[in-house]
Amino acid sequence: AGLEKAKKELAESIQKGV
């Protein structure tokens, strides 16, 4: 569960960065 949340947050962070 933690891994999925971290992955989702990372994806959002990348989209924000782009």
PDB file of N, CA and C in Angstrom:
ATOM      1  N   ALA A   1       0.851  -1.200   0.000  1.00  0.00           N
ATOM      2  CA  ALA A   1       0.000   0.000   0.000  1.00  0.00           C
ATOM      3  C   ALA A   1       0.883   1.245   0.000  1.00  0.00           C
ATOM      4  N   GLY A   2       1.861   1.262   0.872  1.00  0.00           N
ATOM      5  CA  GLY A   2       2.750   2.436   0.931  1.00  0.00           C
ATOM      6  C   GLY A   2       3.436   2.667  -0.406  1.00  0.00           C
ATOM      7  N   LEU A   3       3.822   1.571  -1.050  1.00  0.00           N
ATOM      8  CA  LEU A   3       4.540   1.706  -2.324  1.00  0.00           C
ATOM      9  C   LEU A   3       3.627   2.365  -3.360  1.00  0.00           C
ATOM     10  N   GLU A   4       2.376   1.913  -3.408  1.00  0.00           N
ATOM     11  CA  GLU A   4       1.453   2.500  -4.398  1.00  0.00           C
ATOM     12  C   GLU A   4       1.278   3.987  -4.140  1.00  0.00           C
ATOM     13  N   LYS A   5       1.132   4.353  -2.880  1.00  0.00           N
ATOM     14  CA  LYS A   5       0.934   5.777  -2.551  1.00  0.00           C
ATOM     15  C   LYS A   5       2.169   6.576  -2.971  1.00  0.00           C
ATOM     16  N   ALA A   6       3.328   6.051  -2.664  1.00  0.00           N
ATOM     17  CA  ALA A   6       4.566   6.763  -3.012  1.00  0.00           C
ATOM     18  C   ALA A   6       4.655   6.901  -4.527  1.00  0.00           C
ATOM     19  N   LYS A   7       4.292   5.840  -5.235  1.00  0.00           N
ATOM     20  CA  LYS A   7       4.357   5.889  -6.702  1.00  0.00           C
ATOM     21  C   LYS A   7       3.410   6.962  -7.231  1.00  0.00           C
ATOM     22  N   LYS A   8       2.214   7.008  -6.671  1.00  0.00           N
ATOM     23  CA  LYS A   8       1.228   8.001  -7.128  1.00  0.00           C
ATOM     24  C   LYS A   8       1.746   9.406  -6.846  1.00  0.00           C
ATOM     25  N   GLU A   9       2.270   9.610  -5.658  1.00  0.00           N
ATOM     26  CA  GLU A   9       2.782  10.944  -5.311  1.00  0.00           C
ATOM     27  C   GLU A   9       3.927  11.317  -6.246  1.00  0.00           C
ATOM     28  N   LEU A  10       4.779  10.353  -6.529  1.00  0.00           N
ATOM     29  CA  LEU A  10       5.926  10.622  -7.414  1.00  0.00           C
ATOM     30  C   LEU A  10       5.420  11.019  -8.803  1.00  0.00           C
ATOM     31  N   ALA A  11       4.434  10.298  -9.299  1.00  0.00           N
ATOM     32  CA  ALA A  11       3.887  10.603 -10.625  1.00  0.00           C
ATOM     33  C   ALA A  11       3.312  12.015 -10.635  1.00  0.00           C
ATOM     34  N   GLU A  12       2.561  12.366  -9.601  1.00  0.00           N
ATOM     35  CA  GLU A  12       1.981  13.711  -9.549  1.00  0.00           C
ATOM     36  C   GLU A  12       3.084  14.758  -9.487  1.00  0.00           C
ATOM     37  N   SER A  13       4.109  14.479  -8.704  1.00  0.00           N
ATOM     38  CA  SER A  13       5.212  15.429  -8.577  1.00  0.00           C
ATOM     39  C   SER A  13       5.886  15.640  -9.930  1.00  0.00           C
ATOM     40  N   ILE A  14       6.048  14.549 -10.677  1.00  0.00           N
ATOM     41  CA  ILE A  14       6.694  14.663 -11.995  1.00  0.00           C
ATOM     42  C   ILE A  14       5.814  15.512 -12.918  1.00  0.00           C
ATOM     43  N   GLN A  15       4.507  15.225 -12.927  1.00  0.00           N
ATOM     44  CA  GLN A  15       3.613  15.987 -13.792  1.00  0.00           C
ATOM     45  C   GLN A  15       3.669  17.464 -13.428  1.00  0.00           C
ATOM     46  N   LYS A  16       3.718  17.754 -12.143  1.00  0.00           N
ATOM     47  CA  LYS A  16       3.778  19.152 -11.706  1.00  0.00           C
ATOM     48  C   LYS A  16       5.083  19.782 -12.189  1.00  0.00           C
ATOM     49  N   GLY A  17       6.164  19.023 -12.076  1.00  0.00           N
ATOM     50  CA  GLY A  17       7.472  19.548 -12.493  1.00  0.00           C
ATOM     51  C   GLY A  17       7.461  19.861 -13.979  1.00  0.00           C
ATOM     52  N   VAL A  18       6.830  18.994 -14.746  1.00  0.00           N
ATOM     53  CA  VAL A  18       6.801  19.194 -16.200  1.00  0.00           C
ATOM     54  C   VAL A  18       5.845  20.334 -16.490  1.00  0.00           C
TER      55      VAL A  18
END
